[in-house]
Protein backbone atom coordinates (compact mmCIF):
# COMPACT_ATOMS: atom_id res chain seq x y z
CA MET A 1 -4.26 5.37 14.51
CA LEU A 2 -1.39 7.86 14.44
CA VAL A 3 0.03 6.43 17.68
CA SER A 4 -0.50 2.84 16.55
CA ASN A 5 1.02 3.47 13.12
CA ILE A 6 4.16 4.90 14.69
CA GLY A 7 4.51 1.64 16.62
CA THR A 8 3.78 -0.42 13.51
CA TRP A 9 6.53 1.30 11.53
CA MET A 10 8.90 0.82 14.45
CA GLN A 11 8.12 -2.92 14.46
CA GLN A 12 8.45 -3.18 10.67
CA ILE A 13 11.94 -1.68 10.71
CA THR A 14 13.06 -3.51 13.85
CA GLN A 15 11.79 -6.88 12.65
CA LEU A 16 13.84 -6.68 9.46
CA TRP A 17 16.87 -5.44 11.41
CA LEU A 18 16.50 -8.38 13.80
CA VAL A 19 16.62 -10.85 10.91
CA LEU A 20 19.27 -9.09 8.82
CA VAL A 21 21.76 -8.08 11.52
CA VAL A 22 20.99 -9.53 14.98
CA LEU A 23 20.19 -13.05 13.76
CA ASP A 24 22.52 -12.69 10.73
CA GLY A 25 19.95 -14.05 8.31
CA GLY A 26 21.15 -12.12 5.26
CA ALA A 27 19.19 -10.60 2.37
CA ARG A 28 17.34 -13.80 1.48
CA ALA A 29 15.99 -14.36 5.01
CA THR A 30 15.00 -10.70 5.14
CA GLY A 31 13.05 -11.12 1.90
CA ILE A 32 11.34 -14.25 3.21
CA THR A 33 10.33 -12.41 6.40
CA LEU A 34 8.82 -9.57 4.41
CA GLY A 35 7.13 -12.03 2.06
CA LEU A 36 5.58 -14.05 4.91
CA GLN A 37 4.23 -10.88 6.48
CA PHE A 38 2.29 -10.14 3.30
CA LEU A 39 1.34 -13.73 2.37
CA PRO A 40 -1.91 -13.49 4.41
CA PHE A 41 -3.09 -10.77 2.04
CA LEU A 42 -3.44 -13.59 -0.48
CA LEU A 43 -4.92 -16.14 1.93
CA VAL A 44 -6.86 -14.10 4.49
CA ALA A 45 -7.69 -10.72 2.90
CA PRO A 46 -10.67 -12.04 0.85
CA PHE A 47 -12.27 -13.31 4.05
CA GLY A 48 -11.39 -10.03 5.77
CA GLY A 49 -13.33 -8.22 3.06
CA LEU A 50 -16.24 -10.61 3.47
CA LEU A 51 -16.29 -10.03 7.23
CA ALA A 52 -16.10 -6.27 6.65
CA ASP A 53 -19.28 -6.53 4.54
CA ARG A 54 -21.04 -8.83 7.02
CA LEU A 55 -20.04 -7.71 10.55
CA PRO A 56 -19.96 -4.39 12.42
CA LYS A 57 -16.66 -2.86 11.34
CA ARG A 58 -15.89 -1.28 14.70
CA ASN A 59 -15.99 -4.65 16.50
CA LEU A 60 -13.83 -6.23 13.81
CA LEU A 61 -11.27 -3.42 14.14
CA ILE A 62 -11.11 -3.78 17.94
CA PHE A 63 -10.40 -7.51 17.58
CA SER A 64 -7.75 -7.10 14.87
CA ASN A 65 -5.85 -4.42 16.79
CA ALA A 66 -5.85 -6.50 19.98
CA PHE A 67 -4.57 -9.52 18.03
CA MET A 68 -1.70 -7.55 16.45
CA GLY A 69 -0.75 -6.11 19.84
CA ILE A 70 -0.38 -9.63 21.25
CA ILE A 71 1.87 -10.62 18.34
CA GLY A 72 4.17 -7.67 19.02
CA LEU A 73 4.33 -8.53 22.71
CA VAL A 74 5.25 -12.17 22.03
CA LEU A 75 8.05 -11.18 19.65
CA GLY A 76 9.34 -8.69 22.21
CA ILE A 77 9.44 -11.32 24.96
CA LEU A 78 11.25 -13.82 22.72
CA THR A 79 13.85 -11.24 21.78
CA LEU A 80 14.38 -9.93 25.31
CA THR A 81 14.89 -13.43 26.69
CA GLY A 82 17.46 -14.19 23.98
CA VAL A 83 15.64 -17.22 22.56
CA ALA A 84 14.37 -15.66 19.32
CA GLN A 85 15.16 -17.66 16.21
CA ILE A 86 14.54 -16.90 12.56
CA TRP A 87 11.77 -19.49 12.22
CA GLN A 88 9.92 -17.85 15.12
CA VAL A 89 10.20 -14.46 13.43
CA TYR A 90 8.86 -16.07 10.24
CA LEU A 91 5.82 -17.44 12.09
CA LEU A 92 5.06 -14.22 13.95
CA ALA A 93 5.51 -12.17 10.78
CA PHE A 94 2.90 -14.38 9.10
CA LEU A 95 0.47 -14.00 12.04
CA LEU A 96 0.99 -10.23 12.11
CA GLY A 97 0.19 -10.18 8.41
CA ALA A 98 -3.00 -12.15 9.08
CA GLY A 99 -4.08 -9.49 11.56
CA LYS A 100 -3.39 -6.75 9.02
CA ALA A 101 -5.29 -8.66 6.32
CA LEU A 102 -8.36 -8.75 8.58
CA ASP A 103 -7.93 -5.15 9.70
CA ASN A 104 -7.26 -3.39 6.41
CA PRO A 105 -10.49 -3.95 4.43
CA ALA A 106 -12.61 -3.10 7.47
CA ARG A 107 -10.59 0.04 8.22
CA GLN A 108 -10.69 1.23 4.61
CA ALA A 109 -14.46 0.67 4.34
CA PHE A 110 -15.01 2.21 7.81
CA VAL A 111 -13.79 5.56 6.46
CA SER A 112 -16.71 5.72 4.02
CA GLU A 113 -19.15 5.12 6.91
CA LEU A 114 -17.77 8.00 8.96
CA VAL A 115 -18.02 10.67 6.25
CA GLY A 116 -20.40 11.54 3.42
CA PRO A 117 -19.68 10.72 -0.24
CA GLU A 118 -18.68 14.30 -1.02
CA ASP A 119 -15.92 14.19 1.61
CA LEU A 120 -14.69 10.66 0.90
CA PRO A 121 -11.69 11.52 -1.37
CA ASN A 122 -10.47 14.04 1.18
CA ALA A 123 -11.00 11.61 4.07
CA ILE A 124 -9.06 8.83 2.32
CA ALA A 125 -6.18 11.21 1.70
CA LEU A 126 -6.19 12.44 5.32
CA ASN A 127 -6.24 8.83 6.55
CA SER A 128 -3.14 8.21 4.41
CA THR A 129 -1.64 11.43 5.78
CA SER A 130 -1.89 10.03 9.30
CA PHE A 131 -0.26 6.79 8.17
CA ASN A 132 2.61 8.63 6.49
CA ALA A 133 3.06 11.11 9.33
CA ALA A 134 3.70 8.02 11.44
CA ARG A 135 6.12 6.80 8.80
CA LEU A 136 8.01 10.06 9.18
CA ILE A 137 8.51 9.38 12.89
CA GLY A 138 8.50 5.59 13.31
CA PRO A 139 11.53 4.42 11.28
CA ALA A 140 13.89 7.08 12.65
CA LEU A 141 12.64 6.43 16.20
CA ALA A 142 13.13 2.69 15.67
CA GLY A 143 16.72 3.25 14.55
CA LEU A 144 17.46 5.33 17.66
CA LEU A 145 15.74 2.90 20.03
CA ILE A 146 17.47 -0.15 18.52
CA HIS A 147 20.78 1.53 19.30
CA ALA A 148 19.68 2.74 22.77
CA ILE A 149 17.62 -0.10 24.27
CA GLY A 150 17.77 -2.99 21.80
CA THR A 151 15.29 -4.63 19.46
CA GLY A 152 13.19 -6.45 22.09
CA TRP A 153 11.90 -3.33 23.84
CA VAL A 154 10.90 -1.79 20.51
CA PHE A 155 8.51 -4.71 19.94
CA VAL A 156 7.06 -4.25 23.43
CA ILE A 157 6.51 -0.53 22.81
CA ASN A 158 4.69 -1.37 19.58
CA ALA A 159 2.41 -3.78 21.45
CA VAL A 160 1.42 -1.00 23.86
CA THR A 161 0.59 1.42 21.02
CA PHE A 162 -2.27 -0.81 19.83
CA ALA A 163 -4.22 0.30 22.91
CA SER A 164 -4.63 3.72 21.27
CA PRO A 165 -7.00 2.77 18.40
CA ILE A 166 -8.88 0.33 20.64
CA ILE A 167 -9.64 3.06 23.18
CA ALA A 168 -10.59 5.49 20.38
CA LEU A 169 -12.97 2.96 18.82
CA LEU A 170 -14.62 2.27 22.17
CA LEU A 171 -15.15 5.99 22.82
CA LEU A 172 -16.34 6.80 19.30
CA ARG A 173 -19.91 8.08 19.07
CA TYR A 174 -20.99 6.22 15.99
CA ARG A 175 -24.17 4.82 14.50
CA PRO A 176 -23.68 2.45 11.54
CA PRO A 177 -25.49 3.76 8.45
CA HIS A 178 -28.33 1.72 6.99
CA GLY A 179 -26.96 -1.11 4.88
CA ALA A 180 -23.47 -0.92 6.44
CA VAL A 181 -23.75 -4.56 7.53
CA GLY A 182 -24.55 -7.10 4.83
CA GLN A 183 -27.92 -8.83 4.90
CA ASP A 184 -27.39 -11.45 2.18
CA THR A 185 -27.69 -15.09 3.15
CA GLY A 186 -25.58 -16.71 0.43
CA GLY A 187 -22.70 -19.05 1.15
CA VAL A 188 -19.15 -17.88 1.78
CA ILE A 189 -17.89 -18.93 -1.65
CA SER A 190 -20.79 -17.30 -3.49
CA ARG A 191 -20.31 -14.03 -1.60
CA LEU A 192 -16.58 -14.03 -2.32
CA SER A 193 -17.29 -14.83 -5.96
CA GLU A 194 -19.65 -11.88 -6.17
CA GLY A 195 -16.79 -9.49 -5.46
CA VAL A 196 -14.56 -11.19 -8.04
CA ARG A 197 -17.30 -11.11 -10.68
CA TYR A 198 -17.88 -7.44 -10.03
CA VAL A 199 -14.21 -6.61 -10.59
CA ARG A 200 -14.05 -8.80 -13.71
CA GLY A 201 -16.92 -6.81 -15.16
CA ARG A 202 -15.07 -3.51 -14.66
CA PRO A 203 -12.10 -3.21 -17.08
CA ASP A 204 -11.15 0.10 -15.47
CA LEU A 205 -10.69 -1.67 -12.12
CA LEU A 206 -8.73 -4.49 -13.79
CA MET A 207 -6.36 -1.96 -15.34
CA ILE A 208 -5.77 -0.22 -12.00
CA MET A 209 -5.26 -3.50 -10.15
CA LEU A 210 -2.67 -4.74 -12.67
CA ILE A 211 -0.70 -1.51 -12.22
CA ILE A 212 -0.99 -1.76 -8.44
CA PHE A 213 0.17 -5.39 -8.55
CA GLY A 214 3.40 -4.43 -10.30
CA LEU A 215 3.98 -1.50 -7.97
CA GLY A 216 3.26 -3.43 -4.77
CA THR A 217 5.01 -6.68 -5.72
CA PHE A 218 8.29 -5.40 -7.14
CA GLY A 219 8.52 -1.66 -6.49
CA MET A 220 7.42 -1.10 -2.89
CA ASN A 221 9.78 -3.39 -0.98
CA PHE A 222 11.29 -0.29 0.61
CA GLU A 223 11.88 -1.68 4.09
CA MET A 224 14.10 -4.46 2.73
CA THR A 225 15.74 -2.65 -0.17
CA MET A 226 16.61 0.41 1.92
CA ALA A 227 18.16 -1.86 4.56
CA LEU A 228 20.26 -3.53 1.87
CA MET A 229 21.29 -0.21 0.33
CA ALA A 230 22.19 1.27 3.73
CA THR A 231 24.22 -1.68 4.98
CA GLU A 232 25.77 -3.15 1.82
CA VAL A 233 26.14 -0.23 -0.59
CA TYR A 234 26.74 2.72 1.74
CA GLU A 235 28.01 0.72 4.79
CA LYS A 236 25.78 2.48 7.34
CA GLY A 237 24.25 1.35 10.63
CA SER A 238 20.77 1.11 12.15
CA GLY A 239 20.46 4.86 12.79
CA GLU A 240 21.11 5.79 9.16
CA TYR A 241 18.80 3.00 8.01
CA GLY A 242 15.98 4.34 10.18
CA VAL A 243 16.57 7.87 8.87
CA LEU A 244 16.05 6.63 5.30
CA GLY A 245 12.54 5.50 6.21
CA SER A 246 11.73 8.91 7.65
CA ILE A 247 13.14 10.72 4.61
CA LEU A 248 10.99 8.55 2.34
CA ALA A 249 8.05 9.52 4.55
CA ILE A 250 8.69 13.21 3.82
CA GLY A 251 7.76 12.43 0.24
CA THR A 252 4.83 10.15 1.07
CA LEU A 253 3.41 12.66 3.55
CA THR A 254 3.70 15.44 0.98
CA GLY A 255 1.98 13.25 -1.59
CA ALA A 256 -0.84 12.47 0.84
CA LEU A 257 -1.38 16.14 1.68
CA LEU A 258 -1.43 17.12 -1.99
CA SER A 259 -3.90 14.30 -2.70
CA ALA A 260 -6.18 15.65 0.05
CA ARG A 261 -6.78 18.69 -2.16
CA ARG A 262 -7.72 16.56 -5.17
CA LYS A 263 -11.48 16.15 -5.51
CA HIS A 264 -11.60 13.35 -8.04
CA PRO A 265 -9.07 10.64 -8.94
CA ARG A 266 -8.00 10.29 -12.56
CA ARG A 267 -6.78 7.13 -14.20
CA ARG A 268 -4.12 8.91 -16.23
CA LEU A 269 -2.51 9.94 -12.93
CA ILE A 270 -2.36 6.30 -11.85
CA VAL A 271 -0.86 5.06 -15.13
CA GLY A 272 1.61 7.91 -15.59
CA GLY A 273 2.54 7.94 -11.92
CA ALA A 274 3.49 4.24 -12.01
CA VAL A 275 5.84 4.83 -14.95
CA ILE A 276 7.43 7.87 -13.27
CA PHE A 277 7.79 5.84 -10.05
CA GLY A 278 9.81 3.20 -11.88
CA LEU A 279 12.08 5.81 -13.46
CA PHE A 280 12.75 7.54 -10.14
CA GLN A 281 13.49 4.22 -8.44
CA ILE A 282 16.14 3.44 -11.07
CA VAL A 283 17.66 6.90 -10.64
CA ALA A 284 17.74 6.51 -6.84
CA ALA A 285 19.58 3.19 -7.11
CA LEU A 286 22.35 4.82 -9.17
CA MET A 287 23.11 7.55 -6.62
CA PRO A 288 26.83 7.47 -5.73
CA ASN A 289 26.55 8.21 -2.00
CA TYR A 290 24.19 7.93 0.96
CA VAL A 291 23.15 11.61 1.04
CA LEU A 292 22.11 11.73 -2.63
CA PHE A 293 20.29 8.41 -2.26
CA ALA A 294 18.37 9.80 0.73
CA ILE A 295 17.43 12.95 -1.21
CA ALA A 296 16.19 10.86 -4.14
CA LEU A 297 13.78 9.05 -1.82
CA VAL A 298 11.69 12.22 -1.31
CA PRO A 299 10.23 12.45 -4.85
CA LEU A 300 9.98 8.66 -4.93
CA GLY A 301 7.79 8.73 -1.82
CA LEU A 302 5.66 11.56 -3.21
CA ILE A 303 4.94 9.67 -6.43
CA THR A 304 4.24 6.44 -4.54
CA MET A 305 1.58 8.03 -2.38
CA THR A 306 0.03 9.94 -5.27
CA VAL A 307 -0.52 6.69 -7.18
CA LEU A 308 -1.77 4.72 -4.17
CA ILE A 309 -4.25 7.34 -2.95
CA SER A 310 -5.55 7.95 -6.46
CA ALA A 311 -6.10 4.23 -6.98
CA ASN A 312 -7.69 3.70 -3.55
CA THR A 313 -10.00 6.68 -3.98
CA TYR A 314 -11.03 5.59 -7.45
CA VAL A 315 -11.98 2.15 -6.14
CA GLN A 316 -13.91 3.46 -3.13
CA THR A 317 -15.82 6.13 -5.05
CA THR A 318 -16.87 3.90 -7.95
CA VAL A 319 -17.82 0.69 -6.11
CA PRO A 320 -21.25 0.23 -4.47
CA ALA A 321 -21.42 -0.15 -0.70
CA HIS A 322 -22.69 -3.74 -0.64
CA VAL A 323 -19.51 -5.11 -2.26
CA ARG A 324 -17.05 -2.38 -1.24
CA GLY A 325 -15.40 -4.41 1.52
CA ARG A 326 -14.80 -7.38 -0.78
CA VAL A 327 -13.49 -5.24 -3.63
CA LEU A 328 -11.19 -3.36 -1.25
CA ALA A 329 -9.98 -6.73 0.05
CA LEU A 330 -9.16 -7.78 -3.52
CA TYR A 331 -7.40 -4.46 -4.03
CA MET A 332 -5.30 -4.92 -0.89
CA MET A 333 -4.68 -8.58 -1.80
CA ILE A 334 -3.25 -7.47 -5.13
CA LEU A 335 -1.29 -4.56 -3.65
CA MET A 336 0.22 -6.50 -0.74
CA GLY A 337 -0.31 -10.14 -1.68
CA GLY A 338 2.35 -10.13 -4.38
CA LYS A 339 5.10 -9.45 -1.84
CA PRO A 340 5.45 -13.15 -0.89
CA VAL A 341 6.66 -13.59 -4.47
CA GLY A 342 8.28 -10.21 -5.05
CA ALA A 343 10.19 -9.78 -1.77
CA PRO A 344 12.07 -13.13 -1.92
CA VAL A 345 12.83 -12.53 -5.61
CA VAL A 346 14.17 -9.06 -4.84
CA GLY A 347 16.23 -10.51 -1.97
CA TRP A 348 17.58 -13.23 -4.26
CA VAL A 349 18.52 -10.62 -6.89
CA ALA A 350 20.31 -8.59 -4.21
CA ASP A 351 22.27 -11.66 -3.07
CA LEU A 352 23.19 -12.58 -6.65
CA PHE A 353 23.84 -9.21 -8.33
CA GLY A 354 24.07 -6.69 -5.50
CA ALA A 355 21.72 -4.47 -3.51
CA GLN A 356 21.48 -1.79 -6.20
CA TRP A 357 19.83 -4.24 -8.59
CA SER A 358 17.03 -4.84 -6.07
CA PHE A 359 16.07 -1.18 -6.62
CA ILE A 360 16.72 -1.09 -10.37
CA GLY A 361 14.86 -4.34 -11.07
CA GLY A 362 11.84 -3.19 -9.05
CA GLY A 363 11.65 0.02 -11.05
CA ILE A 364 11.90 -1.75 -14.39
CA LEU A 365 9.20 -4.30 -13.53
CA THR A 366 6.84 -1.57 -12.28
CA ILE A 367 7.16 0.22 -15.63
CA ILE A 368 6.54 -3.02 -17.53
CA PHE A 369 3.32 -3.72 -15.64
CA ALA A 370 2.06 -0.15 -16.17
CA ILE A 371 2.71 -0.36 -19.91
CA ALA A 372 1.09 -3.82 -20.09
CA ALA A 373 -2.05 -2.48 -18.38
CA LEU A 374 -2.16 0.46 -20.77
CA VAL A 375 -1.72 -1.72 -23.87
CA PHE A 376 -3.82 -4.78 -23.07
CA ILE A 377 -6.56 -3.63 -20.66
CA ALA A 378 -6.94 0.14 -21.11
CA PRO A 379 -8.74 -0.09 -24.50
CA ARG A 380 -11.44 -2.27 -22.89
CA SER A 381 -12.09 0.47 -20.32
CA GLY A 382 -12.43 3.19 -22.93
CA ILE A 383 -8.86 4.50 -22.95
CA VAL A 384 -7.15 4.84 -26.34
CA VAL A 385 -3.51 5.85 -26.70
CA ARG A 386 -2.60 7.30 -30.08
CA PRO A 387 0.46 9.14 -31.40
CA ARG A 388 0.29 12.86 -32.12
CA PHE A 389 2.80 14.69 -34.32
CA ARG A 390 1.23 18.15 -34.55
CA PRO A 391 1.64 20.73 -33.15
CA ARG A 392 4.37 18.76 -31.34
CA PRO A 393 5.09 15.05 -30.91
CA GLY A 394 3.36 13.30 -28.05
CA LEU A 395 0.62 10.88 -27.05
CA ALA A 396 -3.06 11.75 -26.71
CA VAL A 397 -4.94 9.61 -24.19
CA ILE A 398 -8.65 9.55 -24.95
CA VAL A 399 -11.35 8.21 -22.63
CA ASP A 400 -14.76 6.86 -23.53
CA LEU A 401 -15.86 5.47 -20.18
CA PRO A 402 -19.18 3.63 -19.80
CA ARG A 403 -20.66 4.37 -16.41
CA PRO A 404 -21.18 1.30 -14.16
CA ALA A 405 -24.88 0.54 -13.92
CA ASP A 406 -25.01 -0.51 -10.26
CA THR A 407 -22.94 1.96 -8.27
CA THR A 408 -24.30 3.81 -5.29
CA ALA A 409 -21.27 5.94 -4.48
CA GLY A 410 -21.23 7.52 -7.94
CA THR A 411 -18.62 7.29 -10.63
CA ALA A 412 -15.48 9.29 -10.13
CA PRO A 413 -15.36 11.87 -12.91
CA ASP A 414 -12.68 10.81 -15.33
CA HIS A 415 -13.84 13.17 -18.06
CA VAL A 416 -12.44 16.64 -18.48
CA PRO A 417 -12.99 19.03 -21.40
CA PRO A 418 -10.39 18.53 -24.13
CA ARG A 419 -7.85 21.28 -24.56
CA GLY A 420 -5.39 22.29 -27.20
CA PRO A 421 -5.33 22.13 -30.99
CA GLY A 422 -6.82 19.03 -32.51
CA ALA A 423 -8.56 17.98 -29.28
CA ASP A 424 -11.59 15.74 -29.51
CA THR A 425 -14.82 17.71 -29.45
CA GLY A 426 -17.19 14.74 -29.54
CA PRO A 427 -18.55 12.72 -26.62
CA ARG A 428 -15.08 11.49 -25.73
CA ALA A 429 -12.82 13.56 -23.51
CA ALA A 430 -9.14 13.59 -22.68
CA ALA A 431 -8.17 11.36 -19.78
């Protein structure tokens, strides 16, 4: 996956550069491209989760990687022959997104089949570490290759990298655990509805998914917003744009490695991290020059990955195996599926008010969604926020979490002993 992810990041950067600069599509076309790539997470991801619960995950992953490799090859041929048009990039971006929407739930759930429950949080973090190590290399390499050999060959190279996970999956010595493939005989709609009903019955999951929706829809449009900041605000080229992606990856890789040491995810980290993310994104947008903007991306990437891994781990460790694929599909649908709305809106804001506002607006909206989740949903999941004036002003976040009755993976401990003067000493504990 490390090799394939390097190619995927190269394609992501090169595809947006193709639309923005080579085909002169502007910020709005760039936003539409990014939105179409993530639209399948709304349309296809639920069925990807259903297939992940019903079919052998290894076979599904082999198919999805082969499909995405073909998409990269087609885009490379169109670009090399000089016939690529924006509508073709739109179509191929949508098809690439469909492949990812099928691949992602199966790949996420596959991790929990390869390791035991006690190692799952660490495995999820290490999986993210691989992804972000690729992010450290891929964008910068894409920027160099665009300058050296052109956009078309970068797409071809990405197509070749998909052979790496396919070969690894074929060579893997692996026996699916009992119950890894679903045995229910209900209809498609009823099985999809089962996953939705499960999430609706878990206010803690609803709170996390609302926060993740705000973060994914408006905050994490980095590929587009960094391109706009590099070209329009700081007047840089493809090389500097690619370097920004790698600098962001320094932060995300650090966040993934730190998360690998964390045994249990905590909801307060998810809520607080989303607010801090929004604040750092606003600060980054106000940086007066390219160097300071690049430096500001490091803590932004660290916070992003801390929130995402904590949320993903919480979902995987508190959801039973028989619906895990569908719940993960809903999670990915909410994380990525909002981009078809968020990315064009962010692109429109950049066209209307300037590239800096694409960053500032994303940060503000992420904070709003985190606060809304804390105010409207958190009390239903046992979290109470109350003011504290002694011994010093602040907020005490108290958790009274009912354990889900039908989990097989166990509930992630969200209770820790209260500390400090005036702490609760009853059955509730600080979040």
